[in-house]
Amino acid sequence: MKCNYCLESMENLCPEFKVTGRDANGGYAGILNIILDSHYYLS
């Protein structure tokens, strides 16, 4: 279930917000698993 912040595309305000490298391992990994809905392509 998503909170109101997540539903309004303000995931950074979600009380369950997790940051890779701070709250989850993998901040400097070459490869990591992500939730498809929460990624942005960088070129």
N, C-alpha and C. Protein backbone atom coordinates (compact mmCIF):
# COMPACT_ATOMS: atom_id res chain seq x y z
N MET A 1 0.84 -1.18 0.00
CA MET A 1 0.00 0.00 0.00
C MET A 1 0.89 1.24 0.00
N LYS A 2 0.56 2.19 -0.82
CA LYS A 2 1.33 3.42 -0.91
C LYS A 2 0.71 4.51 -0.04
N CYS A 3 1.57 5.33 0.55
CA CYS A 3 1.08 6.44 1.37
C CYS A 3 0.68 7.61 0.47
N ASN A 4 0.10 8.64 1.05
CA ASN A 4 -0.33 9.80 0.26
C ASN A 4 0.84 10.47 -0.45
N TYR A 5 2.01 10.53 0.20
CA TYR A 5 3.18 11.12 -0.45
C TYR A 5 3.57 10.33 -1.69
N CYS A 6 3.59 9.02 -1.58
CA CYS A 6 3.93 8.18 -2.73
C CYS A 6 2.91 8.34 -3.86
N LEU A 7 1.65 8.40 -3.49
CA LEU A 7 0.60 8.56 -4.49
C LEU A 7 0.68 9.91 -5.21
N GLU A 8 1.24 10.91 -4.55
CA GLU A 8 1.37 12.25 -5.14
C GLU A 8 2.77 12.48 -5.74
N SER A 9 3.53 11.39 -5.94
CA SER A 9 4.89 11.46 -6.52
C SER A 9 5.85 12.29 -5.68
N MET A 10 5.68 12.23 -4.35
CA MET A 10 6.60 12.89 -3.43
C MET A 10 7.22 11.84 -2.51
N GLU A 11 7.80 10.79 -3.14
CA GLU A 11 8.32 9.66 -2.39
C GLU A 11 9.39 10.04 -1.38
N ASN A 12 10.11 11.14 -1.63
CA ASN A 12 11.16 11.55 -0.70
C ASN A 12 10.60 11.98 0.66
N LEU A 13 9.29 12.24 0.76
CA LEU A 13 8.66 12.61 2.03
C LEU A 13 8.01 11.43 2.73
N CYS A 14 8.00 10.28 2.08
CA CYS A 14 7.38 9.08 2.63
C CYS A 14 8.12 8.64 3.90
N PRO A 15 7.39 8.29 4.96
CA PRO A 15 8.05 7.82 6.18
C PRO A 15 8.80 6.50 5.99
N GLU A 16 8.49 5.77 4.94
CA GLU A 16 9.17 4.50 4.65
C GLU A 16 10.26 4.65 3.59
N PHE A 17 10.59 5.87 3.21
CA PHE A 17 11.58 6.15 2.16
C PHE A 17 12.94 5.56 2.53
N LYS A 18 13.55 4.86 1.59
CA LYS A 18 14.87 4.26 1.79
C LYS A 18 15.81 4.78 0.70
N VAL A 19 17.03 5.12 1.09
CA VAL A 19 18.03 5.61 0.17
C VAL A 19 19.10 4.53 0.00
N THR A 20 19.38 4.19 -1.26
CA THR A 20 20.44 3.24 -1.54
C THR A 20 21.77 3.85 -1.15
N GLY A 21 22.55 3.12 -0.37
CA GLY A 21 23.83 3.61 0.11
C GLY A 21 23.75 4.13 1.55
N ARG A 22 22.58 4.61 1.96
CA ARG A 22 22.37 5.05 3.34
C ARG A 22 21.56 4.01 4.11
N ASP A 23 20.40 3.63 3.58
CA ASP A 23 19.50 2.68 4.25
C ASP A 23 19.57 1.28 3.67
N ALA A 24 20.06 1.15 2.46
CA ALA A 24 20.16 -0.15 1.78
C ALA A 24 21.52 -0.26 1.13
N ASN A 25 22.09 -1.45 1.15
CA ASN A 25 23.39 -1.67 0.52
C ASN A 25 23.29 -1.47 -0.98
N GLY A 26 24.40 -1.07 -1.61
CA GLY A 26 24.46 -0.98 -3.05
C GLY A 26 24.69 0.40 -3.61
N GLY A 27 24.98 1.38 -2.78
CA GLY A 27 25.17 2.74 -3.27
C GLY A 27 26.31 2.88 -4.26
N TYR A 28 27.32 2.06 -4.14
CA TYR A 28 28.46 2.14 -5.05
C TYR A 28 28.59 0.88 -5.91
N ALA A 29 27.56 0.09 -5.98
CA ALA A 29 27.60 -1.16 -6.74
C ALA A 29 27.50 -0.87 -8.23
N GLY A 30 28.14 -1.70 -9.03
CA GLY A 30 28.03 -1.60 -10.47
C GLY A 30 26.69 -2.08 -10.97
N ILE A 31 26.09 -3.02 -10.27
CA ILE A 31 24.79 -3.58 -10.63
C ILE A 31 23.97 -3.70 -9.36
N LEU A 32 22.67 -3.33 -9.42
CA LEU A 32 21.80 -3.52 -8.28
C LEU A 32 20.37 -3.74 -8.75
N ASN A 33 19.56 -4.32 -7.89
CA ASN A 33 18.14 -4.54 -8.18
C ASN A 33 17.35 -3.34 -7.70
N ILE A 34 16.43 -2.88 -8.54
CA ILE A 34 15.58 -1.75 -8.16
C ILE A 34 14.13 -2.06 -8.49
N ILE A 35 13.23 -1.30 -7.92
CA ILE A 35 11.82 -1.38 -8.28
C ILE A 35 11.66 -0.60 -9.58
N LEU A 36 11.09 -1.22 -10.59
CA LEU A 36 11.02 -0.63 -11.91
C LEU A 36 10.32 0.73 -11.92
N ASP A 37 9.33 0.93 -11.07
CA ASP A 37 8.59 2.19 -11.05
C ASP A 37 9.37 3.34 -10.42
N SER A 38 10.53 3.06 -9.83
CA SER A 38 11.23 4.12 -9.10
C SER A 38 12.60 4.44 -9.71
N HIS A 39 12.74 4.30 -11.01
CA HIS A 39 14.04 4.58 -11.61
C HIS A 39 13.94 5.66 -12.68
N TYR A 40 15.05 6.29 -12.98
CA TYR A 40 15.17 7.27 -14.05
C TYR A 40 16.37 6.89 -14.88
N TYR A 41 16.24 6.99 -16.20
CA TYR A 41 17.36 6.73 -17.08
C TYR A 41 18.27 7.96 -17.11
N LEU A 42 19.56 7.75 -17.01
CA LEU A 42 20.54 8.81 -17.13
C LEU A 42 21.35 8.57 -18.38
N SER A 43 21.61 9.60 -19.11
CA SER A 43 22.41 9.41 -20.33
C SER A 43 23.67 10.24 -20.28
